[in-house]
Amino acid sequence: MNTQATFKTSKAQRYLGTLCKHFGHKVPVQMDGDRGRIELPFGQCELAASDDALQIEVSAETKGNLDKAARVIASHLERFAFRENPQIEWH
C-alpha cells in the first residue's frame, strides 16, 4: 500500500535534508542529491525535491502502518516547516 503528497515550497531540498538527517539518528536513511529514503519500522518514505516542491511517497504493508508512517512524516515536516504552515494531503 502507498500514499503520496506534494508540499509546494521553494525550500524542498532543505526539508529533504532536514528530514533525512533527523531520522538518520534513529532509523536507516539514504540520501543522494535530491532524493531520500527513510526506513521506518512500520513503513518507508521516499522523498524527491525539485525547485518548487517536495514529493513524498509513503508505503507500508498494512493500512494501519501506512497511516502511522504518513502521520509521522507529516508531523515532522509540519514541525520543520512551521513558517510555511504546510497542509499535507495524502492521495
PDB file of N, CA and C in Angstrom:
ATOM      1  N   MET A   1       0.851  -1.170   0.000  1.00  0.00           N
ATOM      2  CA  MET A   1       0.000   0.000   0.000  1.00  0.00           C
ATOM      3  C   MET A   1       0.897   1.234   0.000  1.00  0.00           C
ATOM      4  N   ASN A   2       0.404   2.290  -0.654  1.00  0.00           N
ATOM      5  CA  ASN A   2       1.161   3.533  -0.589  1.00  0.00           C
ATOM      6  C   ASN A   2       0.240   4.742  -0.707  1.00  0.00           C
ATOM      7  N   THR A   3       0.790   5.884  -0.318  1.00  0.00           N
ATOM      8  CA  THR A   3       0.082   7.145  -0.406  1.00  0.00           C
ATOM      9  C   THR A   3       1.104   8.222  -0.738  1.00  0.00           C
ATOM     10  N   GLN A   4       0.648   9.280  -1.396  1.00  0.00           N
ATOM     11  CA  GLN A   4       1.557  10.330  -1.844  1.00  0.00           C
ATOM     12  C   GLN A   4       1.036  11.700  -1.461  1.00  0.00           C
ATOM     13  N   ALA A   5       1.975  12.631  -1.330  1.00  0.00           N
ATOM     14  CA  ALA A   5       1.628  14.024  -1.055  1.00  0.00           C
ATOM     15  C   ALA A   5       2.675  14.911  -1.715  1.00  0.00           C
ATOM     16  N   THR A   6       2.280  16.130  -2.022  1.00  0.00           N
ATOM     17  CA  THR A   6       3.184  17.131  -2.573  1.00  0.00           C
ATOM     18  C   THR A   6       3.122  18.363  -1.693  1.00  0.00           C
ATOM     19  N   PHE A   7       4.279  18.807  -1.254  1.00  0.00           N
ATOM     20  CA  PHE A   7       4.382  20.031  -0.457  1.00  0.00           C
ATOM     21  C   PHE A   7       5.047  21.076  -1.339  1.00  0.00           C
ATOM     22  N   LYS A   8       4.264  22.068  -1.775  1.00  0.00           N
ATOM     23  CA  LYS A   8       4.775  23.145  -2.623  1.00  0.00           C
ATOM     24  C   LYS A   8       5.627  24.086  -1.780  1.00  0.00           C
ATOM     25  N   THR A   9       6.907  24.178  -2.126  1.00  0.00           N
ATOM     26  CA  THR A   9       7.835  25.027  -1.386  1.00  0.00           C
ATOM     27  C   THR A   9       9.092  25.263  -2.221  1.00  0.00           C
ATOM     28  N   SER A  10       9.692  26.399  -2.040  1.00  0.00           N
ATOM     29  CA  SER A  10      10.967  26.675  -2.707  1.00  0.00           C
ATOM     30  C   SER A  10      12.133  26.128  -1.884  1.00  0.00           C
ATOM     31  N   LYS A  11      11.843  25.560  -0.721  1.00  0.00           N
ATOM     32  CA  LYS A  11      12.876  25.040   0.180  1.00  0.00           C
ATOM     33  C   LYS A  11      12.837  23.512   0.270  1.00  0.00           C
ATOM     34  N   ALA A  12      12.418  22.861  -0.790  1.00  0.00           N
ATOM     35  CA  ALA A  12      12.257  21.407  -0.777  1.00  0.00           C
ATOM     36  C   ALA A  12      13.560  20.687  -0.437  1.00  0.00           C
ATOM     37  N   GLN A  13      14.661  21.117  -1.021  1.00  0.00           N
ATOM     38  CA  GLN A  13      15.949  20.467  -0.765  1.00  0.00           C
ATOM     39  C   GLN A  13      16.329  20.581   0.714  1.00  0.00           C
ATOM     40  N   ARG A  14      16.067  21.714   1.293  1.00  0.00           N
ATOM     41  CA  ARG A  14      16.366  21.934   2.712  1.00  0.00           C
ATOM     42  C   ARG A  14      15.550  20.985   3.599  1.00  0.00           C
ATOM     43  N   TYR A  15      14.251  20.852   3.319  1.00  0.00           N
ATOM     44  CA  TYR A  15      13.405  19.979   4.130  1.00  0.00           C
ATOM     45  C   TYR A  15      13.749  18.500   3.919  1.00  0.00           C
ATOM     46  N   LEU A  16      14.117  18.141   2.699  1.00  0.00           N
ATOM     47  CA  LEU A  16      14.563  16.782   2.430  1.00  0.00           C
ATOM     48  C   LEU A  16      15.768  16.458   3.305  1.00  0.00           C
ATOM     49  N   GLY A  17      16.758  17.352   3.339  1.00  0.00           N
ATOM     50  CA  GLY A  17      17.945  17.151   4.158  1.00  0.00           C
ATOM     51  C   GLY A  17      17.634  17.112   5.642  1.00  0.00           C
ATOM     52  N   THR A  18      16.761  17.996   6.084  1.00  0.00           N
ATOM     53  CA  THR A  18      16.401  18.050   7.500  1.00  0.00           C
ATOM     54  C   THR A  18      15.701  16.764   7.935  1.00  0.00           C
ATOM     55  N   LEU A  19      14.749  16.298   7.139  1.00  0.00           N
ATOM     56  CA  LEU A  19      14.041  15.056   7.478  1.00  0.00           C
ATOM     57  C   LEU A  19      15.004  13.873   7.518  1.00  0.00           C
ATOM     58  N   CYS A  20      15.852  13.755   6.485  1.00  0.00           N
ATOM     59  CA  CYS A  20      16.780  12.627   6.434  1.00  0.00           C
ATOM     60  C   CYS A  20      17.778  12.679   7.588  1.00  0.00           C
ATOM     61  N   LYS A  21      18.298  13.837   7.879  1.00  0.00           N
ATOM     62  CA  LYS A  21      19.260  13.962   8.977  1.00  0.00           C
ATOM     63  C   LYS A  21      18.597  13.632  10.322  1.00  0.00           C
ATOM     64  N   HIS A  22      17.396  14.149  10.533  1.00  0.00           N
ATOM     65  CA  HIS A  22      16.680  13.898  11.781  1.00  0.00           C
ATOM     66  C   HIS A  22      16.426  12.398  11.977  1.00  0.00           C
ATOM     67  N   PHE A  23      15.835  11.751  10.967  1.00  0.00           N
ATOM     68  CA  PHE A  23      15.507  10.338  11.105  1.00  0.00           C
ATOM     69  C   PHE A  23      16.748   9.453  11.068  1.00  0.00           C
ATOM     70  N   GLY A  24      17.832   9.946  10.477  1.00  0.00           N
ATOM     71  CA  GLY A  24      19.066   9.174  10.393  1.00  0.00           C
ATOM     72  C   GLY A  24      19.685   8.846  11.731  1.00  0.00           C
ATOM     73  N   HIS A  25      19.280   9.563  12.766  1.00  0.00           N
ATOM     74  CA  HIS A  25      19.761   9.262  14.113  1.00  0.00           C
ATOM     75  C   HIS A  25      19.034   8.068  14.718  1.00  0.00           C
ATOM     76  N   LYS A  26      17.921   7.656  14.093  1.00  0.00           N
ATOM     77  CA  LYS A  26      17.075   6.622  14.687  1.00  0.00           C
ATOM     78  C   LYS A  26      16.865   5.405  13.796  1.00  0.00           C
ATOM     79  N   VAL A  27      16.779   5.614  12.484  1.00  0.00           N
ATOM     80  CA  VAL A  27      16.462   4.537  11.545  1.00  0.00           C
ATOM     81  C   VAL A  27      17.363   4.655  10.313  1.00  0.00           C
ATOM     82  N   PRO A  28      17.455   3.591   9.498  1.00  0.00           N
ATOM     83  CA  PRO A  28      18.262   3.675   8.279  1.00  0.00           C
ATOM     84  C   PRO A  28      17.700   4.725   7.308  1.00  0.00           C
ATOM     85  N   VAL A  29      18.613   5.523   6.774  1.00  0.00           N
ATOM     86  CA  VAL A  29      18.244   6.585   5.839  1.00  0.00           C
ATOM     87  C   VAL A  29      19.254   6.598   4.693  1.00  0.00           C
ATOM     88  N   GLN A  30      18.768   6.835   3.495  1.00  0.00           N
ATOM     89  CA  GLN A  30      19.638   7.039   2.339  1.00  0.00           C
ATOM     90  C   GLN A  30      19.304   8.397   1.750  1.00  0.00           C
ATOM     91  N   MET A  31      20.343   9.137   1.389  1.00  0.00           N
ATOM     92  CA  MET A  31      20.120  10.431   0.740  1.00  0.00           C
ATOM     93  C   MET A  31      21.145  10.574  -0.365  1.00  0.00           C
ATOM     94  N   ASP A  32      20.655  10.928  -1.543  1.00  0.00           N
ATOM     95  CA  ASP A  32      21.527  11.099  -2.691  1.00  0.00           C
ATOM     96  C   ASP A  32      21.020  12.278  -3.508  1.00  0.00           C
ATOM     97  N   GLY A  33      21.661  13.417  -3.337  1.00  0.00           N
ATOM     98  CA  GLY A  33      21.269  14.606  -4.085  1.00  0.00           C
ATOM     99  C   GLY A  33      19.879  15.076  -3.722  1.00  0.00           C
ATOM    100  N   ASP A  34      18.965  15.000  -4.677  1.00  0.00           N
ATOM    101  CA  ASP A  34      17.602  15.494  -4.463  1.00  0.00           C
ATOM    102  C   ASP A  34      16.613  14.384  -4.123  1.00  0.00           C
ATOM    103  N   ARG A  35      17.139  13.225  -3.691  1.00  0.00           N
ATOM    104  CA  ARG A  35      16.281  12.102  -3.322  1.00  0.00           C
ATOM    105  C   ARG A  35      16.675  11.570  -1.949  1.00  0.00           C
ATOM    106  N   GLY A  36      15.677  11.041  -1.248  1.00  0.00           N
ATOM    107  CA  GLY A  36      15.944  10.451   0.052  1.00  0.00           C
ATOM    108  C   GLY A  36      14.998   9.302   0.331  1.00  0.00           C
ATOM    109  N   ARG A  37      15.429   8.410   1.216  1.00  0.00           N
ATOM    110  CA  ARG A  37      14.593   7.268   1.630  1.00  0.00           C
ATOM    111  C   ARG A  37      14.767   7.087   3.128  1.00  0.00           C
ATOM    112  N   ILE A  38      13.633   7.014   3.827  1.00  0.00           N
ATOM    113  CA  ILE A  38      13.620   6.819   5.274  1.00  0.00           C
ATOM    114  C   ILE A  38      12.946   5.479   5.548  1.00  0.00           C
ATOM    115  N   GLU A  39      13.647   4.592   6.267  1.00  0.00           N
ATOM    116  CA  GLU A  39      13.139   3.255   6.582  1.00  0.00           C
ATOM    117  C   GLU A  39      12.605   3.239   8.006  1.00  0.00           C
ATOM    118  N   LEU A  40      11.337   3.500   8.167  1.00  0.00           N
ATOM    119  CA  LEU A  40      10.712   3.427   9.487  1.00  0.00           C
ATOM    120  C   LEU A  40      10.417   1.968   9.817  1.00  0.00           C
ATOM    121  N   PRO A  41      10.294   1.605  11.088  1.00  0.00           N
ATOM    122  CA  PRO A  41       9.997   0.208  11.447  1.00  0.00           C
ATOM    123  C   PRO A  41       8.656  -0.273  10.889  1.00  0.00           C
ATOM    124  N   PHE A  42       7.767   0.640  10.567  1.00  0.00           N
ATOM    125  CA  PHE A  42       6.421   0.282  10.128  1.00  0.00           C
ATOM    126  C   PHE A  42       6.125   0.741   8.698  1.00  0.00           C
ATOM    127  N   GLY A  43       7.121   1.238   7.971  1.00  0.00           N
ATOM    128  CA  GLY A  43       6.911   1.671   6.591  1.00  0.00           C
ATOM    129  C   GLY A  43       8.115   2.427   6.055  1.00  0.00           C
ATOM    130  N   GLN A  44       8.065   2.782   4.795  1.00  0.00           N
ATOM    131  CA  GLN A  44       9.142   3.511   4.156  1.00  0.00           C
ATOM    132  C   GLN A  44       8.618   4.826   3.590  1.00  0.00           C
ATOM    133  N   CYS A  45       9.529   5.782   3.474  1.00  0.00           N
ATOM    134  CA  CYS A  45       9.184   7.070   2.894  1.00  0.00           C
ATOM    135  C   CYS A  45      10.214   7.426   1.832  1.00  0.00           C
ATOM    136  N   GLU A  46       9.748   7.697   0.625  1.00  0.00           N
ATOM    137  CA  GLU A  46      10.599   8.160  -0.476  1.00  0.00           C
ATOM    138  C   GLU A  46      10.345   9.652  -0.637  1.00  0.00           C
ATOM    139  N   LEU A  47      11.422  10.424  -0.735  1.00  0.00           N
ATOM    140  CA  LEU A  47      11.323  11.877  -0.877  1.00  0.00           C
ATOM    141  C   LEU A  47      12.051  12.299  -2.149  1.00  0.00           C
ATOM    142  N   ALA A  48      11.499  13.288  -2.838  1.00  0.00           N
ATOM    143  CA  ALA A  48      12.150  13.848  -4.020  1.00  0.00           C
ATOM    144  C   ALA A  48      11.939  15.357  -4.016  1.00  0.00           C
ATOM    145  N   ALA A  49      13.045  16.095  -4.051  1.00  0.00           N
ATOM    146  CA  ALA A  49      12.985  17.559  -4.028  1.00  0.00           C
ATOM    147  C   ALA A  49      13.156  18.118  -5.440  1.00  0.00           C
ATOM    148  N   SER A  50      12.353  19.123  -5.760  1.00  0.00           N
ATOM    149  CA  SER A  50      12.513  19.870  -7.003  1.00  0.00           C
ATOM    150  C   SER A  50      12.613  21.344  -6.631  1.00  0.00           C
ATOM    151  N   ASP A  51      12.673  22.208  -7.621  1.00  0.00           N
ATOM    152  CA  ASP A  51      12.795  23.642  -7.350  1.00  0.00           C
ATOM    153  C   ASP A  51      11.583  24.211  -6.622  1.00  0.00           C
ATOM    154  N   ASP A  52      10.417  23.582  -6.809  1.00  0.00           N
ATOM    155  CA  ASP A  52       9.196  24.171  -6.252  1.00  0.00           C
ATOM    156  C   ASP A  52       8.348  23.229  -5.400  1.00  0.00           C
ATOM    157  N   ALA A  53       8.851  22.016  -5.118  1.00  0.00           N
ATOM    158  CA  ALA A  53       8.027  21.087  -4.338  1.00  0.00           C
ATOM    159  C   ALA A  53       8.849  19.947  -3.759  1.00  0.00           C
ATOM    160  N   LEU A  54       8.318  19.384  -2.678  1.00  0.00           N
ATOM    161  CA  LEU A  54       8.848  18.156  -2.099  1.00  0.00           C
ATOM    162  C   LEU A  54       7.792  17.080  -2.323  1.00  0.00           C
ATOM    163  N   GLN A  55       8.157  16.062  -3.094  1.00  0.00           N
ATOM    164  CA  GLN A  55       7.263  14.934  -3.343  1.00  0.00           C
ATOM    165  C   GLN A  55       7.518  13.890  -2.262  1.00  0.00           C
ATOM    166  N   ILE A  56       6.446  13.374  -1.685  1.00  0.00           N
ATOM    167  CA  ILE A  56       6.551  12.410  -0.589  1.00  0.00           C
ATOM    168  C   ILE A  56       5.712  11.192  -0.946  1.00  0.00           C
ATOM    169  N   GLU A  57       6.307  10.013  -0.834  1.00  0.00           N
ATOM    170  CA  GLU A  57       5.553   8.783  -1.028  1.00  0.00           C
ATOM    171  C   GLU A  57       5.850   7.849   0.135  1.00  0.00           C
ATOM    172  N   VAL A  58       4.806   7.445   0.816  1.00  0.00           N
ATOM    173  CA  VAL A  58       4.930   6.553   1.960  1.00  0.00           C
ATOM    174  C   VAL A  58       4.319   5.213   1.578  1.00  0.00           C
ATOM    175  N   SER A  59       4.995   4.127   1.951  1.00  0.00           N
ATOM    176  CA  SER A  59       4.457   2.793   1.686  1.00  0.00           C
ATOM    177  C   SER A  59       4.594   1.926   2.933  1.00  0.00           C
ATOM    178  N   ALA A  60       3.694   0.963   3.062  1.00  0.00           N
ATOM    179  CA  ALA A  60       3.687   0.047   4.202  1.00  0.00           C
ATOM    180  C   ALA A  60       2.877  -1.188   3.830  1.00  0.00           C
ATOM    181  N   GLU A  61       3.009  -2.224   4.635  1.00  0.00           N
ATOM    182  CA  GLU A  61       2.317  -3.489   4.380  1.00  0.00           C
ATOM    183  C   GLU A  61       0.831  -3.441   4.727  1.00  0.00           C
ATOM    184  N   THR A  62       0.469  -2.666   5.752  1.00  0.00           N
ATOM    185  CA  THR A  62      -0.929  -2.629   6.185  1.00  0.00           C
ATOM    186  C   THR A  62      -1.444  -1.190   6.196  1.00  0.00           C
ATOM    187  N   LYS A  63      -2.743  -1.038   6.179  1.00  0.00           N
ATOM    188  CA  LYS A  63      -3.354   0.295   6.234  1.00  0.00           C
ATOM    189  C   LYS A  63      -2.986   1.005   7.530  1.00  0.00           C
ATOM    190  N   GLY A  64      -2.994   0.278   8.643  1.00  0.00           N
ATOM    191  CA  GLY A  64      -2.637   0.873   9.927  1.00  0.00           C
ATOM    192  C   GLY A  64      -1.212   1.408   9.933  1.00  0.00           C
ATOM    193  N   ASN A  65      -0.280   0.614   9.402  1.00  0.00           N
ATOM    194  CA  ASN A  65       1.107   1.058   9.336  1.00  0.00           C
ATOM    195  C   ASN A  65       1.290   2.200   8.338  1.00  0.00           C
ATOM    196  N   LEU A  66       0.534   2.162   7.250  1.00  0.00           N
ATOM    197  CA  LEU A  66       0.597   3.246   6.268  1.00  0.00           C
ATOM    198  C   LEU A  66       0.142   4.558   6.905  1.00  0.00           C
ATOM    199  N   ASP A  67      -0.957   4.515   7.608  1.00  0.00           N
ATOM    200  CA  ASP A  67      -1.464   5.717   8.280  1.00  0.00           C
ATOM    201  C   ASP A  67      -0.461   6.226   9.321  1.00  0.00           C
ATOM    202  N   LYS A  68       0.135   5.312  10.066  1.00  0.00           N
ATOM    203  CA  LYS A  68       1.106   5.699  11.091  1.00  0.00           C
ATOM    204  C   LYS A  68       2.339   6.339  10.456  1.00  0.00           C
ATOM    205  N   ALA A  69       2.865   5.735   9.406  1.00  0.00           N
ATOM    206  CA  ALA A  69       4.046   6.280   8.730  1.00  0.00           C
ATOM    207  C   ALA A  69       3.746   7.654   8.136  1.00  0.00           C
ATOM    208  N   ALA A  70       2.585   7.804   7.520  1.00  0.00           N
ATOM    209  CA  ALA A  70       2.201   9.094   6.935  1.00  0.00           C
ATOM    210  C   ALA A  70       2.073  10.159   8.024  1.00  0.00           C
ATOM    211  N   ARG A  71       1.481   9.795   9.155  1.00  0.00           N
ATOM    212  CA  ARG A  71       1.349  10.743  10.271  1.00  0.00           C
ATOM    213  C   ARG A  71       2.708  11.175  10.800  1.00  0.00           C
ATOM    214  N   VAL A  72       3.612  10.224  10.952  1.00  0.00           N
ATOM    215  CA  VAL A  72       4.951  10.535  11.487  1.00  0.00           C
ATOM    216  C   VAL A  72       5.690  11.486  10.546  1.00  0.00           C
ATOM    217  N   ILE A  73       5.698  11.177   9.268  1.00  0.00           N
ATOM    218  CA  ILE A  73       6.401  12.024   8.296  1.00  0.00           C
ATOM    219  C   ILE A  73       5.755  13.402   8.241  1.00  0.00           C
ATOM    220  N   ALA A  74       4.428  13.455   8.149  1.00  0.00           N
ATOM    221  CA  ALA A  74       3.730  14.749   8.062  1.00  0.00           C
ATOM    222  C   ALA A  74       3.956  15.589   9.312  1.00  0.00           C
ATOM    223  N   SER A  75       3.895  14.983  10.487  1.00  0.00           N
ATOM    224  CA  SER A  75       4.056  15.768  11.715  1.00  0.00           C
ATOM    225  C   SER A  75       5.465  16.349  11.811  1.00  0.00           C
ATOM    226  N   HIS A  76       6.461  15.600  11.392  1.00  0.00           N
ATOM    227  CA  HIS A  76       7.824  16.125  11.420  1.00  0.00           C
ATOM    228  C   HIS A  76       8.004  17.234  10.381  1.00  0.00           C
ATOM    229  N   LEU A  77       7.476  17.036   9.196  1.00  0.00           N
ATOM    230  CA  LEU A  77       7.584  18.077   8.171  1.00  0.00           C
ATOM    231  C   LEU A  77       6.859  19.349   8.610  1.00  0.00           C
ATOM    232  N   GLU A  78       5.693  19.200   9.203  1.00  0.00           N
ATOM    233  CA  GLU A  78       4.959  20.370   9.696  1.00  0.00           C
ATOM    234  C   GLU A  78       5.764  21.111  10.767  1.00  0.00           C
ATOM    235  N   ARG A  79       6.465  20.375  11.600  1.00  0.00           N
ATOM    236  CA  ARG A  79       7.286  20.996  12.637  1.00  0.00           C
ATOM    237  C   ARG A  79       8.491  21.723  12.027  1.00  0.00           C
ATOM    238  N   PHE A  80       9.158  21.071  11.076  1.00  0.00           N
ATOM    239  CA  PHE A  80      10.352  21.668  10.472  1.00  0.00           C
ATOM    240  C   PHE A  80      10.005  22.850   9.566  1.00  0.00           C
ATOM    241  N   ALA A  81       8.831  22.824   8.954  1.00  0.00           N
ATOM    242  CA  ALA A  81       8.432  23.871   8.004  1.00  0.00           C
ATOM    243  C   ALA A  81       7.334  24.761   8.581  1.00  0.00           C
ATOM    244  N   PHE A  82       7.335  24.936   9.894  1.00  0.00           N
ATOM    245  CA  PHE A  82       6.233  25.649  10.554  1.00  0.00           C
ATOM    246  C   PHE A  82       6.006  27.053   9.999  1.00  0.00           C
ATOM    247  N   ARG A  83       7.046  27.709   9.521  1.00  0.00           N
ATOM    248  CA  ARG A  83       6.878  29.067   8.968  1.00  0.00           C
ATOM    249  C   ARG A  83       6.027  29.075   7.703  1.00  0.00           C
ATOM    250  N   GLU A  84       6.015  27.939   7.009  1.00  0.00           N
ATOM    251  CA  GLU A  84       5.232  27.830   5.771  1.00  0.00           C
ATOM    252  C   GLU A  84       3.857  27.212   6.007  1.00  0.00           C
ATOM    253  N   ASN A  85       3.604  26.751   7.221  1.00  0.00           N
ATOM    254  CA  ASN A  85       2.319  26.153   7.590  1.00  0.00           C
ATOM    255  C   ASN A  85       1.838  25.130   6.546  1.00  0.00           C
ATOM    256  N   PRO A  86       2.623  24.066   6.330  1.00  0.00           N
ATOM    257  CA  PRO A  86       2.237  23.094   5.291  1.00  0.00           C
ATOM    258  C   PRO A  86       0.952  22.357   5.629  1.00  0.00           C
ATOM    259  N   GLN A  87       0.154  22.153   4.627  1.00  0.00           N
ATOM    260  CA  GLN A  87      -1.057  21.347   4.746  1.00  0.00           C
ATOM    261  C   GLN A  87      -0.819  20.089   3.912  1.00  0.00           C
ATOM    262  N   ILE A  88      -0.445  19.015   4.573  1.00  0.00           N
ATOM    263  CA  ILE A  88      -0.105  17.773   3.877  1.00  0.00           C
ATOM    264  C   ILE A  88      -1.385  16.978   3.621  1.00  0.00           C
ATOM    265  N   GLU A  89      -1.691  16.766   2.350  1.00  0.00           N
ATOM    266  CA  GLU A  89      -2.871  15.989   1.971  1.00  0.00           C
ATOM    267  C   GLU A  89      -2.406  14.746   1.221  1.00  0.00           C
ATOM    268  N   TRP A  90      -2.719  13.592   1.784  1.00  0.00           N
ATOM    269  CA  TRP A  90      -2.313  12.318   1.206  1.00  0.00           C
ATOM    270  C   TRP A  90      -3.316  11.848   0.168  1.00  0.00           C
ATOM    271  N   HIS A  91      -2.815  11.266  -0.923  1.00  0.00           N
ATOM    272  CA  HIS A  91      -3.668  10.748  -2.006  1.00  0.00           C
ATOM    273  C   HIS A  91      -3.288   9.318  -2.313  1.00  0.00           C
TER     274      HIS A  91
END
